[in-house]
Amino acid sequence: HDSIFTFSLLFKQHIMGNDKCRRCGSQEETIMHCFKDCHEVQEVWQILQFVSCDTFYQIDDFKMWVIHGVKLGGALSLSTIWEIWLGRNRLVFEGSKTKA
C-alpha cells in the first residue's frame, strides 16, 4: 500500500518532516488512519451507518478493509473512500477543511 502517499509514508521516505494527520492533528496519518481510524473520518462512516458492522472497524489491512466495505455498501463505500481522499487533499493542498 505504498502507492498512497500518506504523511506517514512521506515521513518515512524523508520527504516530510511530520507524519501527523492534518484532520485531527494528533495521530500518525497511516493509510488506515486516513480512511478509517481518524475520528473525523469515522463521523462519515457513522452517518452512512457502517458503524453497525463491528468487523468493518476491526480489519487493519487496507485491501481487506476495502473488499469488506464493498461487500457491505457496494459502490457507496468506494465513492466514500474517494471523497475522503479528495477532502484530505483539499485540506492539505488548499487549506480547505470540509465537515462530515
PDB file of N, CA and C in Angstrom:
ATOM      1  N   HIS A   1       0.815  -1.196   0.000  1.00  0.00           N
ATOM      2  CA  HIS A   1       0.000   0.000   0.000  1.00  0.00           C
ATOM      3  C   HIS A   1       0.855   1.256   0.000  1.00  0.00           C
ATOM      4  N   ASP A   2       2.069   1.137  -0.482  1.00  0.00           N
ATOM      5  CA  ASP A   2       2.951   2.293  -0.524  1.00  0.00           C
ATOM      6  C   ASP A   2       2.686   3.185  -1.723  1.00  0.00           C
ATOM      7  N   SER A   3       1.581   2.972  -2.407  1.00  0.00           N
ATOM      8  CA  SER A   3       1.255   3.831  -3.543  1.00  0.00           C
ATOM      9  C   SER A   3       0.329   4.977  -3.140  1.00  0.00           C
ATOM     10  N   ILE A   4      -0.151   4.970  -1.909  1.00  0.00           N
ATOM     11  CA  ILE A   4      -0.975   6.063  -1.402  1.00  0.00           C
ATOM     12  C   ILE A   4      -0.102   6.887  -0.471  1.00  0.00           C
ATOM     13  N   PHE A   5       0.181   8.105  -0.875  1.00  0.00           N
ATOM     14  CA  PHE A   5       1.161   8.925  -0.180  1.00  0.00           C
ATOM     15  C   PHE A   5       0.569   9.638   1.032  1.00  0.00           C
ATOM     16  N   THR A   6       0.440   8.881   2.116  1.00  0.00           N
ATOM     17  CA  THR A   6       0.036   9.467   3.389  1.00  0.00           C
ATOM     18  C   THR A   6       1.249  10.165   3.999  1.00  0.00           C
ATOM     19  N   PHE A   7       1.016  10.973   5.025  1.00  0.00           N
ATOM     20  CA  PHE A   7       2.134  11.661   5.666  1.00  0.00           C
ATOM     21  C   PHE A   7       3.066  10.686   6.368  1.00  0.00           C
ATOM     22  N   SER A   8       2.557   9.573   6.838  1.00  0.00           N
ATOM     23  CA  SER A   8       3.400   8.555   7.452  1.00  0.00           C
ATOM     24  C   SER A   8       4.415   8.025   6.442  1.00  0.00           C
ATOM     25  N   LEU A   9       3.947   7.694   5.249  1.00  0.00           N
ATOM     26  CA  LEU A   9       4.836   7.189   4.205  1.00  0.00           C
ATOM     27  C   LEU A   9       5.835   8.259   3.780  1.00  0.00           C
ATOM     28  N   LEU A  10       5.373   9.481   3.581  1.00  0.00           N
ATOM     29  CA  LEU A  10       6.269  10.564   3.169  1.00  0.00           C
ATOM     30  C   LEU A  10       7.301  10.876   4.247  1.00  0.00           C
ATOM     31  N   PHE A  11       6.921  10.761   5.505  1.00  0.00           N
ATOM     32  CA  PHE A  11       7.844  10.975   6.618  1.00  0.00           C
ATOM     33  C   PHE A  11       8.922   9.894   6.623  1.00  0.00           C
ATOM     34  N   LYS A  12       8.524   8.650   6.417  1.00  0.00           N
ATOM     35  CA  LYS A  12       9.478   7.533   6.392  1.00  0.00           C
ATOM     36  C   LYS A  12      10.449   7.645   5.227  1.00  0.00           C
ATOM     37  N   GLN A  13      10.023   8.298   4.150  1.00  0.00           N
ATOM     38  CA  GLN A  13      10.887   8.492   2.984  1.00  0.00           C
ATOM     39  C   GLN A  13      11.664   9.805   3.069  1.00  0.00           C
ATOM     40  N   HIS A  14      11.583  10.464   4.212  1.00  0.00           N
ATOM     41  CA  HIS A  14      12.283  11.736   4.477  1.00  0.00           C
ATOM     42  C   HIS A  14      11.865  12.845   3.514  1.00  0.00           C
ATOM     43  N   ILE A  15      10.615  12.814   3.086  1.00  0.00           N
ATOM     44  CA  ILE A  15      10.076  13.853   2.210  1.00  0.00           C
ATOM     45  C   ILE A  15       9.352  14.907   3.038  1.00  0.00           C
ATOM     46  N   MET A  16       8.724  14.471   4.125  1.00  0.00           N
ATOM     47  CA  MET A  16       8.012  15.374   5.028  1.00  0.00           C
ATOM     48  C   MET A  16       8.659  15.309   6.405  1.00  0.00           C
ATOM     49  N   GLY A  17       8.565  16.397   7.138  1.00  0.00           N
ATOM     50  CA  GLY A  17       9.128  16.437   8.478  1.00  0.00           C
ATOM     51  C   GLY A  17       8.139  16.075   9.562  1.00  0.00           C
ATOM     52  N   ASN A  18       6.913  15.749   9.175  1.00  0.00           N
ATOM     53  CA  ASN A  18       5.864  15.479  10.147  1.00  0.00           C
ATOM     54  C   ASN A  18       4.954  14.383   9.594  1.00  0.00           C
ATOM     55  N   ASP A  19       4.588  13.437  10.428  1.00  0.00           N
ATOM     56  CA  ASP A  19       3.721  12.346   9.966  1.00  0.00           C
ATOM     57  C   ASP A  19       2.298  12.447  10.501  1.00  0.00           C
ATOM     58  N   LYS A  20       1.950  13.581  11.086  1.00  0.00           N
ATOM     59  CA  LYS A  20       0.639  13.735  11.734  1.00  0.00           C
ATOM     60  C   LYS A  20      -0.484  13.986  10.726  1.00  0.00           C
ATOM     61  N   CYS A  21      -1.646  13.461  11.051  1.00  0.00           N
ATOM     62  CA  CYS A  21      -2.863  13.658  10.271  1.00  0.00           C
ATOM     63  C   CYS A  21      -3.234  15.137  10.284  1.00  0.00           C
ATOM     64  N   ARG A  22      -3.555  15.704   9.143  1.00  0.00           N
ATOM     65  CA  ARG A  22      -3.933  17.115   9.075  1.00  0.00           C
ATOM     66  C   ARG A  22      -5.372  17.339   9.530  1.00  0.00           C
ATOM     67  N   ARG A  23      -6.177  16.282   9.543  1.00  0.00           N
ATOM     68  CA  ARG A  23      -7.561  16.422  10.016  1.00  0.00           C
ATOM     69  C   ARG A  23      -7.609  16.557  11.532  1.00  0.00           C
ATOM     70  N   CYS A  24      -7.045  15.579  12.234  1.00  0.00           N
ATOM     71  CA  CYS A  24      -7.144  15.575  13.699  1.00  0.00           C
ATOM     72  C   CYS A  24      -5.913  16.174  14.362  1.00  0.00           C
ATOM     73  N   GLY A  25      -4.778  16.132  13.674  1.00  0.00           N
ATOM     74  CA  GLY A  25      -3.547  16.717  14.191  1.00  0.00           C
ATOM     75  C   GLY A  25      -2.885  15.952  15.314  1.00  0.00           C
ATOM     76  N   SER A  26      -3.415  14.789  15.671  1.00  0.00           N
ATOM     77  CA  SER A  26      -2.865  14.099  16.831  1.00  0.00           C
ATOM     78  C   SER A  26      -2.300  12.712  16.551  1.00  0.00           C
ATOM     79  N   GLN A  27      -2.695  12.094  15.467  1.00  0.00           N
ATOM     80  CA  GLN A  27      -2.261  10.726  15.179  1.00  0.00           C
ATOM     81  C   GLN A  27      -1.415  10.679  13.909  1.00  0.00           C
ATOM     82  N   GLU A  28      -0.599   9.638  13.812  1.00  0.00           N
ATOM     83  CA  GLU A  28       0.170   9.394  12.597  1.00  0.00           C
ATOM     84  C   GLU A  28      -0.813   9.097  11.468  1.00  0.00           C
ATOM     85  N   GLU A  29      -0.602   9.743  10.309  1.00  0.00           N
ATOM     86  CA  GLU A  29      -1.509   9.536   9.182  1.00  0.00           C
ATOM     87  C   GLU A  29      -1.064   8.320   8.371  1.00  0.00           C
ATOM     88  N   THR A  30      -1.451   7.151   8.857  1.00  0.00           N
ATOM     89  CA  THR A  30      -1.264   5.922   8.095  1.00  0.00           C
ATOM     90  C   THR A  30      -2.433   5.800   7.124  1.00  0.00           C
ATOM     91  N   ILE A  31      -2.366   4.830   6.262  1.00  0.00           N
ATOM     92  CA  ILE A  31      -3.456   4.640   5.309  1.00  0.00           C
ATOM     93  C   ILE A  31      -4.765   4.304   6.038  1.00  0.00           C
ATOM     94  N   MET A  32      -4.680   3.480   7.079  1.00  0.00           N
ATOM     95  CA  MET A  32      -5.889   3.117   7.816  1.00  0.00           C
ATOM     96  C   MET A  32      -6.414   4.286   8.635  1.00  0.00           C
ATOM     97  N   HIS A  33      -5.513   5.096   9.169  1.00  0.00           N
ATOM     98  CA  HIS A  33      -5.966   6.274   9.907  1.00  0.00           C
ATOM     99  C   HIS A  33      -6.670   7.240   8.957  1.00  0.00           C
ATOM    100  N   CYS A  34      -6.093   7.428   7.797  1.00  0.00           N
ATOM    101  CA  CYS A  34      -6.632   8.374   6.820  1.00  0.00           C
ATOM    102  C   CYS A  34      -8.055   8.016   6.403  1.00  0.00           C
ATOM    103  N   PHE A  35      -8.317   6.748   6.187  1.00  0.00           N
ATOM    104  CA  PHE A  35      -9.608   6.333   5.635  1.00  0.00           C
ATOM    105  C   PHE A  35     -10.595   5.755   6.650  1.00  0.00           C
ATOM    106  N   LYS A  36     -10.106   5.309   7.818  1.00  0.00           N
ATOM    107  CA  LYS A  36     -11.000   4.604   8.740  1.00  0.00           C
ATOM    108  C   LYS A  36     -10.875   5.053  10.188  1.00  0.00           C
ATOM    109  N   ASP A  37      -9.668   5.236  10.688  1.00  0.00           N
ATOM    110  CA  ASP A  37      -9.461   5.387  12.128  1.00  0.00           C
ATOM    111  C   ASP A  37      -9.515   6.816  12.652  1.00  0.00           C
ATOM    112  N   CYS A  38      -9.301   7.806  11.815  1.00  0.00           N
ATOM    113  CA  CYS A  38      -9.366   9.198  12.262  1.00  0.00           C
ATOM    114  C   CYS A  38     -10.788   9.484  12.755  1.00  0.00           C
ATOM    115  N   HIS A  39     -10.896  10.094  13.929  1.00  0.00           N
ATOM    116  CA  HIS A  39     -12.234  10.329  14.494  1.00  0.00           C
ATOM    117  C   HIS A  39     -13.090  11.202  13.586  1.00  0.00           C
ATOM    118  N   GLU A  40     -12.477  12.090  12.816  1.00  0.00           N
ATOM    119  CA  GLU A  40     -13.267  12.923  11.900  1.00  0.00           C
ATOM    120  C   GLU A  40     -13.798  12.114  10.724  1.00  0.00           C
ATOM    121  N   VAL A  41     -13.042  11.138  10.269  1.00  0.00           N
ATOM    122  CA  VAL A  41     -13.490  10.269   9.179  1.00  0.00           C
ATOM    123  C   VAL A  41     -14.542   9.288   9.691  1.00  0.00           C
ATOM    124  N   GLN A  42     -14.417   8.862  10.927  1.00  0.00           N
ATOM    125  CA  GLN A  42     -15.401   7.937  11.491  1.00  0.00           C
ATOM    126  C   GLN A  42     -16.796   8.552  11.515  1.00  0.00           C
ATOM    127  N   GLU A  43     -16.867   9.869  11.618  1.00  0.00           N
ATOM    128  CA  GLU A  43     -18.170  10.541  11.555  1.00  0.00           C
ATOM    129  C   GLU A  43     -18.874  10.239  10.236  1.00  0.00           C
ATOM    130  N   VAL A  44     -18.099  10.210   9.160  1.00  0.00           N
ATOM    131  CA  VAL A  44     -18.665   9.922   7.835  1.00  0.00           C
ATOM    132  C   VAL A  44     -19.229   8.508   7.808  1.00  0.00           C
ATOM    133  N   TRP A  45     -18.429   7.533   8.272  1.00  0.00           N
ATOM    134  CA  TRP A  45     -18.878   6.145   8.265  1.00  0.00           C
ATOM    135  C   TRP A  45     -20.089   5.960   9.176  1.00  0.00           C
ATOM    136  N   GLN A  46     -20.154   6.703  10.277  1.00  0.00           N
ATOM    137  CA  GLN A  46     -21.314   6.611  11.172  1.00  0.00           C
ATOM    138  C   GLN A  46     -22.577   7.140  10.498  1.00  0.00           C
ATOM    139  N   ILE A  47     -22.439   8.238   9.765  1.00  0.00           N
ATOM    140  CA  ILE A  47     -23.583   8.786   9.034  1.00  0.00           C
ATOM    141  C   ILE A  47     -24.116   7.762   8.033  1.00  0.00           C
ATOM    142  N   LEU A  48     -23.191   7.025   7.421  1.00  0.00           N
ATOM    143  CA  LEU A  48     -23.582   6.010   6.441  1.00  0.00           C
ATOM    144  C   LEU A  48     -23.984   4.695   7.100  1.00  0.00           C
ATOM    145  N   GLN A  49     -23.955   4.659   8.416  1.00  0.00           N
ATOM    146  CA  GLN A  49     -24.370   3.515   9.230  1.00  0.00           C
ATOM    147  C   GLN A  49     -23.485   2.291   9.063  1.00  0.00           C
ATOM    148  N   PHE A  50     -22.219   2.502   8.694  1.00  0.00           N
ATOM    149  CA  PHE A  50     -21.269   1.399   8.679  1.00  0.00           C
ATOM    150  C   PHE A  50     -20.858   1.043  10.107  1.00  0.00           C
ATOM    151  N   VAL A  51     -21.148   1.945  11.041  1.00  0.00           N
ATOM    152  CA  VAL A  51     -20.797   1.718  12.439  1.00  0.00           C
ATOM    153  C   VAL A  51     -21.514   0.503  13.013  1.00  0.00           C
ATOM    154  N   SER A  52     -22.604   0.092  12.415  1.00  0.00           N
ATOM    155  CA  SER A  52     -23.358  -1.052  12.926  1.00  0.00           C
ATOM    156  C   SER A  52     -22.656  -2.379  12.662  1.00  0.00           C
ATOM    157  N   CYS A  53     -21.679  -2.377  11.813  1.00  0.00           N
ATOM    158  CA  CYS A  53     -20.956  -3.613  11.499  1.00  0.00           C
ATOM    159  C   CYS A  53     -19.585  -3.577  12.175  1.00  0.00           C
ATOM    160  N   ASP A  54     -19.438  -4.335  13.257  1.00  0.00           N
ATOM    161  CA  ASP A  54     -18.194  -4.320  14.025  1.00  0.00           C
ATOM    162  C   ASP A  54     -16.982  -4.719  13.200  1.00  0.00           C
ATOM    163  N   THR A  55     -17.135  -5.688  12.304  1.00  0.00           N
ATOM    164  CA  THR A  55     -15.977  -6.149  11.541  1.00  0.00           C
ATOM    165  C   THR A  55     -15.423  -5.056  10.638  1.00  0.00           C
ATOM    166  N   PHE A  56     -16.237  -4.116  10.247  1.00  0.00           N
ATOM    167  CA  PHE A  56     -15.769  -3.010   9.408  1.00  0.00           C
ATOM    168  C   PHE A  56     -14.662  -2.232  10.104  1.00  0.00           C
ATOM    169  N   TYR A  57     -14.746  -2.094  11.417  1.00  0.00           N
ATOM    170  CA  TYR A  57     -13.751  -1.344  12.182  1.00  0.00           C
ATOM    171  C   TYR A  57     -12.636  -2.219  12.728  1.00  0.00           C
ATOM    172  N   GLN A  58     -12.784  -3.526  12.686  1.00  0.00           N
ATOM    173  CA  GLN A  58     -11.775  -4.421  13.241  1.00  0.00           C
ATOM    174  C   GLN A  58     -10.705  -4.814  12.232  1.00  0.00           C
ATOM    175  N   ILE A  59     -10.935  -4.620  10.969  1.00  0.00           N
ATOM    176  CA  ILE A  59      -9.977  -5.018   9.935  1.00  0.00           C
ATOM    177  C   ILE A  59      -8.886  -3.961   9.830  1.00  0.00           C
ATOM    178  N   ASP A  60      -7.618  -4.405   9.879  1.00  0.00           N
ATOM    179  CA  ASP A  60      -6.491  -3.476   9.836  1.00  0.00           C
ATOM    180  C   ASP A  60      -5.690  -3.531   8.540  1.00  0.00           C
ATOM    181  N   ASP A  61      -6.038  -4.419   7.634  1.00  0.00           N
ATOM    182  CA  ASP A  61      -5.373  -4.487   6.336  1.00  0.00           C
ATOM    183  C   ASP A  61      -6.208  -3.692   5.331  1.00  0.00           C
ATOM    184  N   PHE A  62      -5.589  -2.716   4.674  1.00  0.00           N
ATOM    185  CA  PHE A  62      -6.341  -1.806   3.809  1.00  0.00           C
ATOM    186  C   PHE A  62      -7.096  -2.543   2.704  1.00  0.00           C
ATOM    187  N   LYS A  63      -6.428  -3.440   2.016  1.00  0.00           N
ATOM    188  CA  LYS A  63      -7.071  -4.149   0.908  1.00  0.00           C
ATOM    189  C   LYS A  63      -8.274  -4.959   1.403  1.00  0.00           C
ATOM    190  N   MET A  64      -8.097  -5.680   2.496  1.00  0.00           N
ATOM    191  CA  MET A  64      -9.198  -6.478   3.042  1.00  0.00           C
ATOM    192  C   MET A  64     -10.332  -5.581   3.536  1.00  0.00           C
ATOM    193  N   TRP A  65      -9.970  -4.434   4.106  1.00  0.00           N
ATOM    194  CA  TRP A  65     -10.971  -3.491   4.593  1.00  0.00           C
ATOM    195  C   TRP A  65     -11.812  -2.947   3.434  1.00  0.00           C
ATOM    196  N   VAL A  66     -11.161  -2.616   2.315  1.00  0.00           N
ATOM    197  CA  VAL A  66     -11.890  -2.113   1.144  1.00  0.00           C
ATOM    198  C   VAL A  66     -12.816  -3.201   0.597  1.00  0.00           C
ATOM    199  N   ILE A  67     -12.306  -4.413   0.488  1.00  0.00           N
ATOM    200  CA  ILE A  67     -13.131  -5.523  -0.008  1.00  0.00           C
ATOM    201  C   ILE A  67     -14.345  -5.726   0.897  1.00  0.00           C
ATOM    202  N   HIS A  68     -14.120  -5.702   2.202  1.00  0.00           N
ATOM    203  CA  HIS A  68     -15.225  -5.864   3.157  1.00  0.00           C
ATOM    204  C   HIS A  68     -16.216  -4.702   3.027  1.00  0.00           C
ATOM    205  N   GLY A  69     -15.701  -3.497   2.852  1.00  0.00           N
ATOM    206  CA  GLY A  69     -16.562  -2.329   2.686  1.00  0.00           C
ATOM    207  C   GLY A  69     -17.435  -2.431   1.454  1.00  0.00           C
ATOM    208  N   VAL A  70     -16.871  -2.956   0.374  1.00  0.00           N
ATOM    209  CA  VAL A  70     -17.647  -3.134  -0.859  1.00  0.00           C
ATOM    210  C   VAL A  70     -18.756  -4.162  -0.637  1.00  0.00           C
ATOM    211  N   LYS A  71     -18.450  -5.212   0.118  1.00  0.00           N
ATOM    212  CA  LYS A  71     -19.483  -6.213   0.420  1.00  0.00           C
ATOM    213  C   LYS A  71     -20.612  -5.603   1.246  1.00  0.00           C
ATOM    214  N   LEU A  72     -20.259  -4.685   2.130  1.00  0.00           N
ATOM    215  CA  LEU A  72     -21.270  -4.043   2.978  1.00  0.00           C
ATOM    216  C   LEU A  72     -22.072  -2.980   2.241  1.00  0.00           C
ATOM    217  N   GLY A  73     -21.351  -2.143   1.476  1.00  0.00           N
ATOM    218  CA  GLY A  73     -22.016  -0.976   0.913  1.00  0.00           C
ATOM    219  C   GLY A  73     -21.860  -0.766  -0.572  1.00  0.00           C
ATOM    220  N   GLY A  74     -21.252  -1.706  -1.259  1.00  0.00           N
ATOM    221  CA  GLY A  74     -21.101  -1.605  -2.701  1.00  0.00           C
ATOM    222  C   GLY A  74     -20.376  -0.346  -3.137  1.00  0.00           C
ATOM    223  N   ALA A  75     -20.901   0.267  -4.175  1.00  0.00           N
ATOM    224  CA  ALA A  75     -20.276   1.463  -4.749  1.00  0.00           C
ATOM    225  C   ALA A  75     -20.263   2.627  -3.768  1.00  0.00           C
ATOM    226  N   LEU A  76     -21.196   2.648  -2.833  1.00  0.00           N
ATOM    227  CA  LEU A  76     -21.229   3.724  -1.844  1.00  0.00           C
ATOM    228  C   LEU A  76     -19.947   3.756  -1.023  1.00  0.00           C
ATOM    229  N   SER A  77     -19.439   2.595  -0.637  1.00  0.00           N
ATOM    230  CA  SER A  77     -18.208   2.580   0.149  1.00  0.00           C
ATOM    231  C   SER A  77     -17.020   3.058  -0.682  1.00  0.00           C
ATOM    232  N   LEU A  78     -16.962   2.670  -1.947  1.00  0.00           N
ATOM    233  CA  LEU A  78     -15.862   3.125  -2.806  1.00  0.00           C
ATOM    234  C   LEU A  78     -15.926   4.625  -3.055  1.00  0.00           C
ATOM    235  N   SER A  79     -17.103   5.137  -3.313  1.00  0.00           N
ATOM    236  CA  SER A  79     -17.219   6.580  -3.545  1.00  0.00           C
ATOM    237  C   SER A  79     -16.938   7.355  -2.259  1.00  0.00           C
ATOM    238  N   THR A  80     -17.255   6.774  -1.112  1.00  0.00           N
ATOM    239  CA  THR A  80     -16.953   7.429   0.164  1.00  0.00           C
ATOM    240  C   THR A  80     -15.452   7.482   0.393  1.00  0.00           C
ATOM    241  N   ILE A  81     -14.760   6.384   0.113  1.00  0.00           N
ATOM    242  CA  ILE A  81     -13.298   6.370   0.231  1.00  0.00           C
ATOM    243  C   ILE A  81     -12.703   7.442  -0.673  1.00  0.00           C
ATOM    244  N   TRP A  82     -13.203   7.544  -1.892  1.00  0.00           N
ATOM    245  CA  TRP A  82     -12.708   8.542  -2.836  1.00  0.00           C
ATOM    246  C   TRP A  82     -12.951   9.958  -2.311  1.00  0.00           C
ATOM    247  N   GLU A  83     -14.133  10.218  -1.795  1.00  0.00           N
ATOM    248  CA  GLU A  83     -14.447  11.549  -1.259  1.00  0.00           C
ATOM    249  C   GLU A  83     -13.619  11.873  -0.018  1.00  0.00           C
ATOM    250  N   ILE A  84     -13.339  10.877   0.803  1.00  0.00           N
ATOM    251  CA  ILE A  84     -12.465  11.091   1.964  1.00  0.00           C
ATOM    252  C   ILE A  84     -11.080  11.507   1.487  1.00  0.00           C
ATOM    253  N   TRP A  85     -10.574  10.838   0.455  1.00  0.00           N
ATOM    254  CA  TRP A  85      -9.258  11.177  -0.088  1.00  0.00           C
ATOM    255  C   TRP A  85      -9.264  12.581  -0.703  1.00  0.00           C
ATOM    256  N   LEU A  86     -10.302  12.917  -1.448  1.00  0.00           N
ATOM    257  CA  LEU A  86     -10.393  14.254  -2.043  1.00  0.00           C
ATOM    258  C   LEU A  86     -10.468  15.328  -0.958  1.00  0.00           C
ATOM    259  N   GLY A  87     -11.248  15.066   0.097  1.00  0.00           N
ATOM    260  CA  GLY A  87     -11.350  16.013   1.205  1.00  0.00           C
ATOM    261  C   GLY A  87     -10.027  16.194   1.914  1.00  0.00           C
ATOM    262  N   ARG A  88      -9.314  15.106   2.104  1.00  0.00           N
ATOM    263  CA  ARG A  88      -7.976  15.168   2.703  1.00  0.00           C
ATOM    264  C   ARG A  88      -7.054  16.020   1.848  1.00  0.00           C
ATOM    265  N   ASN A  89      -7.081  15.812   0.548  1.00  0.00           N
ATOM    266  CA  ASN A  89      -6.205  16.573  -0.343  1.00  0.00           C
ATOM    267  C   ASN A  89      -6.592  18.046  -0.417  1.00  0.00           C
ATOM    268  N   ARG A  90      -7.874  18.351  -0.346  1.00  0.00           N
ATOM    269  CA  ARG A  90      -8.286  19.763  -0.288  1.00  0.00           C
ATOM    270  C   ARG A  90      -7.726  20.429   0.961  1.00  0.00           C
ATOM    271  N   LEU A  91      -7.744  19.713   2.064  1.00  0.00           N
ATOM    272  CA  LEU A  91      -7.197  20.246   3.307  1.00  0.00           C
ATOM    273  C   LEU A  91      -5.690  20.444   3.200  1.00  0.00           C
ATOM    274  N   VAL A  92      -4.992  19.459   2.676  1.00  0.00           N
ATOM    275  CA  VAL A  92      -3.532  19.512   2.586  1.00  0.00           C
ATOM    276  C   VAL A  92      -3.066  20.573   1.600  1.00  0.00           C
ATOM    277  N   PHE A  93      -3.659  20.623   0.427  1.00  0.00           N
ATOM    278  CA  PHE A  93      -3.145  21.480  -0.638  1.00  0.00           C
ATOM    279  C   PHE A  93      -3.817  22.844  -0.737  1.00  0.00           C
ATOM    280  N   GLU A  94      -5.045  22.956  -0.219  1.00  0.00           N
ATOM    281  CA  GLU A  94      -5.764  24.229  -0.323  1.00  0.00           C
ATOM    282  C   GLU A  94      -6.105  24.825   1.037  1.00  0.00           C
ATOM    283  N   GLY A  95      -5.904  24.059   2.096  1.00  0.00           N
ATOM    284  CA  GLY A  95      -6.245  24.532   3.433  1.00  0.00           C
ATOM    285  C   GLY A  95      -7.737  24.559   3.693  1.00  0.00           C
ATOM    286  N   SER A  96      -8.498  23.871   2.853  1.00  0.00           N
ATOM    287  CA  SER A  96      -9.960  23.875   2.947  1.00  0.00           C
ATOM    288  C   SER A  96     -10.432  22.628   3.679  1.00  0.00           C
ATOM    289  N   LYS A  97     -10.977  22.806   4.873  1.00  0.00           N
ATOM    290  CA  LYS A  97     -11.452  21.676   5.672  1.00  0.00           C
ATOM    291  C   LYS A  97     -12.953  21.512   5.489  1.00  0.00           C
ATOM    292  N   THR A  98     -13.341  20.317   5.042  1.00  0.00           N
ATOM    293  CA  THR A  98     -14.757  20.015   4.874  1.00  0.00           C
ATOM    294  C   THR A  98     -15.232  19.198   6.057  1.00  0.00           C
ATOM    295  N   LYS A  99     -16.469  19.350   6.418  1.00  0.00           N
ATOM    296  CA  LYS A  99     -17.070  18.625   7.535  1.00  0.00           C
ATOM    297  C   LYS A  99     -17.769  17.386   7.011  1.00  0.00           C
ATOM    298  N   ALA A 100     -17.924  16.392   7.875  1.00  0.00           N
ATOM    299  CA  ALA A 100     -18.565  15.119   7.504  1.00  0.00           C
ATOM    300  C   ALA A 100     -19.936  15.339   6.907  1.00  0.00           C
TER     301      ALA A 100
END
